């Protein structure tokens, strides 16, 4: 899948909206970490390094949503393709 540079901001916003709809909080924090999905007590949290570039933020958020399980919810074809193809690579 080829994504144009200018599309990444909208994709990030769409992914954040989906995460919120699924009951997950998306947080952008600073630190020495990649980011991803975790449970804190009963809260679903997706933490993304705020110093990562835009593409990396999309990859981390898409991978976290994939881990949360988006198979049974409606997603636009483009967003579903992004989630299915993105994977965290160190």
PDB file of N, CA and C in Angstrom:
ATOM      1  N   UNK A   1       0.848  -1.186   0.000  1.00  0.00           N
ATOM      2  CA  UNK A   1       0.000   0.000   0.000  1.00  0.00           C
ATOM      3  C   UNK A   1       0.882   1.235   0.000  1.00  0.00           C
ATOM      4  N   UNK A   2       0.598   2.132  -0.869  1.00  0.00           N
ATOM      5  CA  UNK A   2       1.338   3.386  -0.972  1.00  0.00           C
ATOM      6  C   UNK A   2       0.494   4.505  -0.370  1.00  0.00           C
ATOM      7  N   UNK A   3       1.054   5.171   0.637  1.00  0.00           N
ATOM      8  CA  UNK A   3       0.353   6.277   1.289  1.00  0.00           C
ATOM      9  C   UNK A   3       1.127   7.554   1.010  1.00  0.00           C
ATOM     10  N   UNK A   4       0.423   8.559   0.556  1.00  0.00           N
ATOM     11  CA  UNK A   4       1.059   9.850   0.304  1.00  0.00           C
ATOM     12  C   UNK A   4       1.341  10.536   1.636  1.00  0.00           C
ATOM     13  N   UNK A   5       2.417  11.296   1.657  1.00  0.00           N
ATOM     14  CA  UNK A   5       2.846  11.992   2.873  1.00  0.00           C
ATOM     15  C   UNK A   5       1.719  12.811   3.508  1.00  0.00           C
ATOM     16  N   UNK A   6       0.968  13.522   2.689  1.00  0.00           N
ATOM     17  CA  UNK A   6      -0.083  14.394   3.217  1.00  0.00           C
ATOM     18  C   UNK A   6      -1.269  13.621   3.791  1.00  0.00           C
ATOM     19  N   UNK A   7      -1.367  12.312   3.520  1.00  0.00           N
ATOM     20  CA  UNK A   7      -2.481  11.508   4.014  1.00  0.00           C
ATOM     21  C   UNK A   7      -2.255  10.997   5.435  1.00  0.00           C
ATOM     22  N   UNK A   8      -1.014  10.978   5.887  1.00  0.00           N
ATOM     23  CA  UNK A   8      -0.715  10.391   7.189  1.00  0.00           C
ATOM     24  C   UNK A   8      -1.421  11.095   8.346  1.00  0.00           C
ATOM     25  N   UNK A   9      -1.530  12.419   8.309  1.00  0.00           N
ATOM     26  CA  UNK A   9      -2.189  13.145   9.413  1.00  0.00           C
ATOM     27  C   UNK A   9      -3.653  12.748   9.515  1.00  0.00           C
ATOM     28  N   UNK A  10      -4.360  12.662   8.390  1.00  0.00           N
ATOM     29  CA  UNK A  10      -5.772  12.261   8.420  1.00  0.00           C
ATOM     30  C   UNK A  10      -5.914  10.807   8.874  1.00  0.00           C
ATOM     31  N   UNK A  11      -5.024   9.947   8.416  1.00  0.00           N
ATOM     32  CA  UNK A  11      -5.075   8.544   8.837  1.00  0.00           C
ATOM     33  C   UNK A  11      -4.856   8.443  10.337  1.00  0.00           C
ATOM     34  N   UNK A  12      -3.907   9.208  10.878  1.00  0.00           N
ATOM     35  CA  UNK A  12      -3.666   9.205  12.325  1.00  0.00           C
ATOM     36  C   UNK A  12      -4.915   9.650  13.074  1.00  0.00           C
ATOM     37  N   UNK A  13      -5.567  10.693  12.595  1.00  0.00           N
ATOM     38  CA  UNK A  13      -6.794  11.168  13.243  1.00  0.00           C
ATOM     39  C   UNK A  13      -7.894  10.110  13.180  1.00  0.00           C
ATOM     40  N   UNK A  14      -8.030   9.445  12.039  1.00  0.00           N
ATOM     41  CA  UNK A  14      -9.035   8.389  11.892  1.00  0.00           C
ATOM     42  C   UNK A  14      -8.751   7.226  12.842  1.00  0.00           C
ATOM     43  N   UNK A  15      -7.480   6.847  12.961  1.00  0.00           N
ATOM     44  CA  UNK A  15      -7.113   5.747  13.854  1.00  0.00           C
ATOM     45  C   UNK A  15      -7.352   6.118  15.316  1.00  0.00           C
ATOM     46  N   UNK A  16      -7.060   7.367  15.686  1.00  0.00           N
ATOM     47  CA  UNK A  16      -7.329   7.823  17.058  1.00  0.00           C
ATOM     48  C   UNK A  16      -8.827   7.768  17.350  1.00  0.00           C
ATOM     49  N   UNK A  17      -9.654   8.170  16.388  1.00  0.00           N
ATOM     50  CA  UNK A  17     -11.099   8.119  16.563  1.00  0.00           C
ATOM     51  C   UNK A  17     -11.563   6.679  16.780  1.00  0.00           C
ATOM     52  N   UNK A  18     -11.056   5.758  15.991  1.00  0.00           N
ATOM     53  CA  UNK A  18     -11.421   4.341  16.124  1.00  0.00           C
ATOM     54  C   UNK A  18     -11.009   3.817  17.496  1.00  0.00           C
ATOM     55  N   UNK A  19      -9.806   4.157  17.926  1.00  0.00           N
ATOM     56  CA  UNK A  19      -9.334   3.717  19.248  1.00  0.00           C
ATOM     57  C   UNK A  19     -10.265   4.222  20.344  1.00  0.00           C
ATOM     58  N   UNK A  20     -10.644   5.485  20.267  1.00  0.00           N
ATOM     59  CA  UNK A  20     -11.556   6.050  21.269  1.00  0.00           C
ATOM     60  C   UNK A  20     -12.911   5.358  21.238  1.00  0.00           C
ATOM     61  N   UNK A  21     -13.408   5.059  20.034  1.00  0.00           N
ATOM     62  CA  UNK A  21     -14.680   4.345  19.909  1.00  0.00           C
ATOM     63  C   UNK A  21     -14.607   2.947  20.526  1.00  0.00           C
ATOM     64  N   UNK A  22     -13.418   2.360  20.515  1.00  0.00           N
ATOM     65  CA  UNK A  22     -13.227   1.026  21.089  1.00  0.00           C
ATOM     66  C   UNK A  22     -12.931   1.086  22.589  1.00  0.00           C
ATOM     67  N   UNK A  23     -12.924   2.288  23.148  1.00  0.00           N
ATOM     68  CA  UNK A  23     -12.699   2.439  24.577  1.00  0.00           C
ATOM     69  C   UNK A  23     -11.242   2.503  24.982  1.00  0.00           C
ATOM     70  N   UNK A  24     -10.362   2.749  24.022  1.00  0.00           N
ATOM     71  CA  UNK A  24      -8.936   2.847  24.320  1.00  0.00           C
ATOM     72  C   UNK A  24      -8.514   4.312  24.334  1.00  0.00           C
ATOM     73  N   UNK A  25      -7.696   4.657  25.300  1.00  0.00           N
ATOM     74  CA  UNK A  25      -7.153   6.015  25.369  1.00  0.00           C
ATOM     75  C   UNK A  25      -5.835   6.036  24.598  1.00  0.00           C
ATOM     76  N   UNK A  26      -5.661   7.046  23.771  1.00  0.00           N
ATOM     77  CA  UNK A  26      -4.414   7.218  23.032  1.00  0.00           C
ATOM     78  C   UNK A  26      -3.639   8.344  23.691  1.00  0.00           C
ATOM     79  N   UNK A  27      -2.397   8.020  24.087  1.00  0.00           N
ATOM     80  CA  UNK A  27      -1.561   9.021  24.749  1.00  0.00           C
ATOM     81  C   UNK A  27      -0.244   9.161  24.000  1.00  0.00           C
ATOM     82  N   UNK A  28       0.181  10.390  23.828  1.00  0.00           N
ATOM     83  CA  UNK A  28       1.472  10.681  23.220  1.00  0.00           C
ATOM     84  C   UNK A  28       2.396  11.131  24.342  1.00  0.00           C
ATOM     85  N   UNK A  29       3.419  10.338  24.606  1.00  0.00           N
ATOM     86  CA  UNK A  29       4.331  10.593  25.721  1.00  0.00           C
ATOM     87  C   UNK A  29       5.768  10.652  25.215  1.00  0.00           C
ATOM     88  N   UNK A  30       6.624  11.297  25.981  1.00  0.00           N
ATOM     89  CA  UNK A  30       8.033  11.313  25.612  1.00  0.00           C
ATOM     90  C   UNK A  30       8.768  10.241  26.401  1.00  0.00           C
ATOM     91  N   UNK A  31       9.804   9.693  25.789  1.00  0.00           N
ATOM     92  CA  UNK A  31      10.590   8.672  26.438  1.00  0.00           C
ATOM     93  C   UNK A  31      11.331   7.825  25.427  1.00  0.00           C
ATOM     94  N   UNK A  32      12.036   6.847  25.932  1.00  0.00           N
ATOM     95  CA  UNK A  32      12.825   5.957  25.096  1.00  0.00           C
ATOM     96  C   UNK A  32      12.074   4.641  24.915  1.00  0.00           C
ATOM     97  N   UNK A  33      11.049   4.659  24.072  1.00  0.00           N
ATOM     98  CA  UNK A  33      10.231   3.481  23.835  1.00  0.00           C
ATOM     99  C   UNK A  33       9.595   3.580  22.456  1.00  0.00           C
ATOM    100  N   UNK A  34       9.131   2.451  21.951  1.00  0.00           N
ATOM    101  CA  UNK A  34       8.471   2.422  20.652  1.00  0.00           C
ATOM    102  C   UNK A  34       7.009   2.794  20.815  1.00  0.00           C
ATOM    103  N   UNK A  35       6.338   2.160  21.757  1.00  0.00           N
ATOM    104  CA  UNK A  35       4.923   2.408  21.986  1.00  0.00           C
ATOM    105  C   UNK A  35       4.106   1.179  21.667  1.00  0.00           C
ATOM    106  N   UNK A  36       2.828   1.229  21.999  1.00  0.00           N
ATOM    107  CA  UNK A  36       1.940   0.123  21.726  1.00  0.00           C
ATOM    108  C   UNK A  36       0.763   0.099  22.683  1.00  0.00           C
ATOM    109  N   UNK A  37       0.100  -1.038  22.703  1.00  0.00           N
ATOM    110  CA  UNK A  37      -1.123  -1.234  23.484  1.00  0.00           C
ATOM    111  C   UNK A  37      -0.795  -1.886  24.813  1.00  0.00           C
ATOM    112  N   UNK A  38      -1.463  -1.437  25.867  1.00  0.00           N
ATOM    113  CA  UNK A  38      -1.312  -2.076  27.172  1.00  0.00           C
ATOM    114  C   UNK A  38      -2.592  -1.883  27.983  1.00  0.00           C
ATOM    115  N   UNK A  39      -2.703  -2.648  29.033  1.00  0.00           N
ATOM    116  CA  UNK A  39      -3.805  -2.503  29.985  1.00  0.00           C
ATOM    117  C   UNK A  39      -3.236  -1.939  31.275  1.00  0.00           C
ATOM    118  N   UNK A  40      -3.873  -0.922  31.800  1.00  0.00           N
ATOM    119  CA  UNK A  40      -3.485  -0.347  33.072  1.00  0.00           C
ATOM    120  C   UNK A  40      -4.708  -0.449  33.960  1.00  0.00           C
ATOM    121  N   UNK A  41      -4.645  -1.387  34.873  1.00  0.00           N
ATOM    122  CA  UNK A  41      -5.816  -1.793  35.638  1.00  0.00           C
ATOM    123  C   UNK A  41      -6.858  -2.270  34.636  1.00  0.00           C
ATOM    124  N   UNK A  42      -7.967  -1.581  34.461  1.00  0.00           N
ATOM    125  CA  UNK A  42      -8.976  -2.000  33.489  1.00  0.00           C
ATOM    126  C   UNK A  42      -9.028  -1.074  32.275  1.00  0.00           C
ATOM    127  N   UNK A  43      -8.129  -0.099  32.230  1.00  0.00           N
ATOM    128  CA  UNK A  43      -8.118   0.867  31.137  1.00  0.00           C
ATOM    129  C   UNK A  43      -7.261   0.375  29.978  1.00  0.00           C
ATOM    130  N   UNK A  44      -7.807   0.473  28.763  1.00  0.00           N
ATOM    131  CA  UNK A  44      -7.051   0.177  27.550  1.00  0.00           C
ATOM    132  C   UNK A  44      -6.313   1.449  27.163  1.00  0.00           C
ATOM    133  N   UNK A  45      -5.006   1.345  27.028  1.00  0.00           N
ATOM    134  CA  UNK A  45      -4.198   2.516  26.716  1.00  0.00           C
ATOM    135  C   UNK A  45      -3.254   2.191  25.555  1.00  0.00           C
ATOM    136  N   UNK A  46      -3.181   3.104  24.628  1.00  0.00           N
ATOM    137  CA  UNK A  46      -2.213   3.008  23.541  1.00  0.00           C
ATOM    138  C   UNK A  46      -1.261   4.184  23.718  1.00  0.00           C
ATOM    139  N   UNK A  47       0.001   3.865  23.934  1.00  0.00           N
ATOM    140  CA  UNK A  47       0.996   4.906  24.167  1.00  0.00           C
ATOM    141  C   UNK A  47       1.884   5.004  22.934  1.00  0.00           C
ATOM    142  N   UNK A  48       2.072   6.225  22.467  1.00  0.00           N
ATOM    143  CA  UNK A  48       2.879   6.489  21.285  1.00  0.00           C
ATOM    144  C   UNK A  48       3.932   7.525  21.655  1.00  0.00           C
ATOM    145  N   UNK A  49       5.159   7.279  21.220  1.00  0.00           N
ATOM    146  CA  UNK A  49       6.232   8.230  21.478  1.00  0.00           C
ATOM    147  C   UNK A  49       5.950   9.511  20.695  1.00  0.00           C
ATOM    148  N   UNK A  50       5.804  10.611  21.414  1.00  0.00           N
ATOM    149  CA  UNK A  50       5.419  11.857  20.756  1.00  0.00           C
ATOM    150  C   UNK A  50       6.526  12.434  19.883  1.00  0.00           C
ATOM    151  N   UNK A  51       7.745  11.932  20.021  1.00  0.00           N
ATOM    152  CA  UNK A  51       8.851  12.399  19.194  1.00  0.00           C
ATOM    153  C   UNK A  51       9.039  11.557  17.934  1.00  0.00           C
ATOM    154  N   UNK A  52       8.228  10.514  17.773  1.00  0.00           N
ATOM    155  CA  UNK A  52       8.290   9.705  16.553  1.00  0.00           C
ATOM    156  C   UNK A  52       7.756  10.515  15.381  1.00  0.00           C
ATOM    157  N   UNK A  53       8.207  10.147  14.174  1.00  0.00           N
ATOM    158  CA  UNK A  53       7.667  10.839  13.003  1.00  0.00           C
ATOM    159  C   UNK A  53       6.234  10.374  12.761  1.00  0.00           C
ATOM    160  N   UNK A  54       5.545  11.072  11.906  1.00  0.00           N
ATOM    161  CA  UNK A  54       4.122  10.824  11.662  1.00  0.00           C
ATOM    162  C   UNK A  54       3.860   9.404  11.172  1.00  0.00           C
ATOM    163  N   UNK A  55       4.698   8.914  10.262  1.00  0.00           N
ATOM    164  CA  UNK A  55       4.517   7.555   9.751  1.00  0.00           C
ATOM    165  C   UNK A  55       4.651   6.528  10.859  1.00  0.00           C
ATOM    166  N   UNK A  56       5.617   6.720  11.741  1.00  0.00           N
ATOM    167  CA  UNK A  56       5.831   5.787  12.857  1.00  0.00           C
ATOM    168  C   UNK A  56       4.635   5.795  13.798  1.00  0.00           C
ATOM    169  N   UNK A  57       4.064   6.962  14.050  1.00  0.00           N
ATOM    170  CA  UNK A  57       2.879   7.053  14.905  1.00  0.00           C
ATOM    171  C   UNK A  57       1.722   6.263  14.304  1.00  0.00           C
ATOM    172  N   UNK A  58       1.548   6.372  12.980  1.00  0.00           N
ATOM    173  CA  UNK A  58       0.492   5.615  12.307  1.00  0.00           C
ATOM    174  C   UNK A  58       0.742   4.120  12.434  1.00  0.00           C
ATOM    175  N   UNK A  59       1.985   3.690  12.247  1.00  0.00           N
ATOM    176  CA  UNK A  59       2.322   2.265  12.346  1.00  0.00           C
ATOM    177  C   UNK A  59       2.032   1.740  13.752  1.00  0.00           C
ATOM    178  N   UNK A  60       2.456   2.470  14.766  1.00  0.00           N
ATOM    179  CA  UNK A  60       2.250   2.028  16.155  1.00  0.00           C
ATOM    180  C   UNK A  60       0.761   1.961  16.478  1.00  0.00           C
ATOM    181  N   UNK A  61       0.015   2.979  16.104  1.00  0.00           N
ATOM    182  CA  UNK A  61      -1.412   3.008  16.407  1.00  0.00           C
ATOM    183  C   UNK A  61      -2.161   1.929  15.630  1.00  0.00           C
ATOM    184  N   UNK A  62      -1.828   1.740  14.367  1.00  0.00           N
ATOM    185  CA  UNK A  62      -2.471   0.689  13.567  1.00  0.00           C
ATOM    186  C   UNK A  62      -2.177  -0.691  14.141  1.00  0.00           C
ATOM    187  N   UNK A  63      -0.932  -0.919  14.552  1.00  0.00           N
ATOM    188  CA  UNK A  63      -0.563  -2.218  15.151  1.00  0.00           C
ATOM    189  C   UNK A  63      -1.304  -2.452  16.461  1.00  0.00           C
ATOM    190  N   UNK A  64      -1.451  -1.404  17.252  1.00  0.00           N
ATOM    191  CA  UNK A  64      -2.168  -1.529  18.529  1.00  0.00           C
ATOM    192  C   UNK A  64      -3.646  -1.843  18.281  1.00  0.00           C
ATOM    193  N   UNK A  65      -4.240  -1.201  17.296  1.00  0.00           N
ATOM    194  CA  UNK A  65      -5.649  -1.484  16.974  1.00  0.00           C
ATOM    195  C   UNK A  65      -5.810  -2.911  16.467  1.00  0.00           C
ATOM    196  N   UNK A  66      -4.856  -3.364  15.713  1.00  0.00           N
ATOM    197  CA  UNK A  66      -4.883  -4.749  15.231  1.00  0.00           C
ATOM    198  C   UNK A  66      -4.861  -5.709  16.422  1.00  0.00           C
ATOM    199  N   UNK A  67      -4.025  -5.389  17.397  1.00  0.00           N
ATOM    200  CA  UNK A  67      -3.937  -6.207  18.617  1.00  0.00           C
ATOM    201  C   UNK A  67      -5.237  -6.147  19.423  1.00  0.00           C
ATOM    202  N   UNK A  68      -5.878  -5.002  19.444  1.00  0.00           N
ATOM    203  CA  UNK A  68      -7.151  -4.852  20.149  1.00  0.00           C
ATOM    204  C   UNK A  68      -8.263  -5.667  19.487  1.00  0.00           C
ATOM    205  N   UNK A  69      -8.153  -5.850  18.186  1.00  0.00           N
ATOM    206  CA  UNK A  69      -9.156  -6.635  17.466  1.00  0.00           C
ATOM    207  C   UNK A  69     -10.199  -5.766  16.804  1.00  0.00           C
ATOM    208  N   UNK A  70     -10.036  -5.533  15.522  1.00  0.00           N
ATOM    209  CA  UNK A  70     -10.975  -4.695  14.791  1.00  0.00           C
ATOM    210  C   UNK A  70     -11.723  -5.478  13.717  1.00  0.00           C
ATOM    211  N   UNK A  71     -11.629  -6.796  13.783  1.00  0.00           N
ATOM    212  CA  UNK A  71     -12.237  -7.640  12.753  1.00  0.00           C
ATOM    213  C   UNK A  71     -13.749  -7.465  12.657  1.00  0.00           C
ATOM    214  N   UNK A  72     -14.399  -7.270  13.781  1.00  0.00           N
ATOM    215  CA  UNK A  72     -15.860  -7.261  13.814  1.00  0.00           C
ATOM    216  C   UNK A  72     -16.493  -5.873  13.780  1.00  0.00           C
ATOM    217  N   UNK A  73     -15.704  -4.835  13.548  1.00  0.00           N
ATOM    218  CA  UNK A  73     -16.283  -3.495  13.471  1.00  0.00           C
ATOM    219  C   UNK A  73     -16.097  -2.944  12.062  1.00  0.00           C
ATOM    220  N   UNK A  74     -16.989  -2.032  11.679  1.00  0.00           N
ATOM    221  CA  UNK A  74     -16.882  -1.442  10.348  1.00  0.00           C
ATOM    222  C   UNK A  74     -15.732  -0.447  10.313  1.00  0.00           C
ATOM    223  N   UNK A  75     -14.908  -0.594   9.304  1.00  0.00           N
ATOM    224  CA  UNK A  75     -13.844   0.359   9.018  1.00  0.00           C
ATOM    225  C   UNK A  75     -13.886   0.656   7.527  1.00  0.00           C
ATOM    226  N   UNK A  76     -13.542   1.864   7.153  1.00  0.00           N
ATOM    227  CA  UNK A  76     -13.469   2.155   5.721  1.00  0.00           C
ATOM    228  C   UNK A  76     -12.416   1.235   5.108  1.00  0.00           C
ATOM    229  N   UNK A  77     -12.569   0.900   3.845  1.00  0.00           N
ATOM    230  CA  UNK A  77     -11.600   0.002   3.202  1.00  0.00           C
ATOM    231  C   UNK A  77     -10.149   0.485   3.323  1.00  0.00           C
ATOM    232  N   UNK A  78      -9.929   1.782   3.197  1.00  0.00           N
ATOM    233  CA  UNK A  78      -8.567   2.308   3.297  1.00  0.00           C
ATOM    234  C   UNK A  78      -7.995   2.112   4.702  1.00  0.00           C
ATOM    235  N   UNK A  79      -8.780   2.422   5.729  1.00  0.00           N
ATOM    236  CA  UNK A  79      -8.308   2.265   7.109  1.00  0.00           C
ATOM    237  C   UNK A  79      -8.090   0.793   7.428  1.00  0.00           C
ATOM    238  N   UNK A  80      -8.980  -0.086   6.970  1.00  0.00           N
ATOM    239  CA  UNK A  80      -8.794  -1.519   7.205  1.00  0.00           C
ATOM    240  C   UNK A  80      -7.491  -1.998   6.550  1.00  0.00           C
ATOM    241  N   UNK A  81      -7.203  -1.505   5.366  1.00  0.00           N
ATOM    242  CA  UNK A  81      -5.974  -1.885   4.678  1.00  0.00           C
ATOM    243  C   UNK A  81      -4.746  -1.385   5.443  1.00  0.00           C
ATOM    244  N   UNK A  82      -4.825  -0.157   5.953  1.00  0.00           N
ATOM    245  CA  UNK A  82      -3.719   0.389   6.751  1.00  0.00           C
ATOM    246  C   UNK A  82      -3.477  -0.490   7.969  1.00  0.00           C
ATOM    247  N   UNK A  83      -4.529  -0.823   8.694  1.00  0.00           N
ATOM    248  CA  UNK A  83      -4.392  -1.636   9.906  1.00  0.00           C
ATOM    249  C   UNK A  83      -3.857  -3.027   9.572  1.00  0.00           C
ATOM    250  N   UNK A  84      -4.342  -3.621   8.511  1.00  0.00           N
ATOM    251  CA  UNK A  84      -3.893  -4.965   8.155  1.00  0.00           C
ATOM    252  C   UNK A  84      -2.454  -5.007   7.669  1.00  0.00           C
ATOM    253  N   UNK A  85      -1.981  -3.936   7.052  1.00  0.00           N
ATOM    254  CA  UNK A  85      -0.636  -3.951   6.487  1.00  0.00           C
ATOM    255  C   UNK A  85       0.442  -3.384   7.394  1.00  0.00           C
ATOM    256  N   UNK A  86       0.073  -2.564   8.356  1.00  0.00           N
ATOM    257  CA  UNK A  86       1.068  -1.959   9.223  1.00  0.00           C
ATOM    258  C   UNK A  86       1.503  -2.953  10.283  1.00  0.00           C
ATOM    259  N   UNK A  87       2.784  -2.935  10.560  1.00  0.00           N
ATOM    260  CA  UNK A  87       3.332  -3.808  11.583  1.00  0.00           C
ATOM    261  C   UNK A  87       4.566  -3.130  12.166  1.00  0.00           C
ATOM    262  N   UNK A  88       4.745  -3.242  13.459  1.00  0.00           N
ATOM    263  CA  UNK A  88       5.896  -2.616  14.111  1.00  0.00           C
ATOM    264  C   UNK A  88       7.150  -3.393  13.753  1.00  0.00           C
ATOM    265  N   UNK A  89       8.127  -2.654  13.251  1.00  0.00           N
ATOM    266  CA  UNK A  89       9.445  -3.224  12.946  1.00  0.00           C
ATOM    267  C   UNK A  89      10.454  -2.386  13.678  1.00  0.00           C
ATOM    268  N   UNK A  90      11.194  -3.002  14.525  1.00  0.00           N
ATOM    269  CA  UNK A  90      12.185  -2.292  15.339  1.00  0.00           C
ATOM    270  C   UNK A  90      13.340  -1.820  14.489  1.00  0.00           C
TER     271      UNK A  90
END
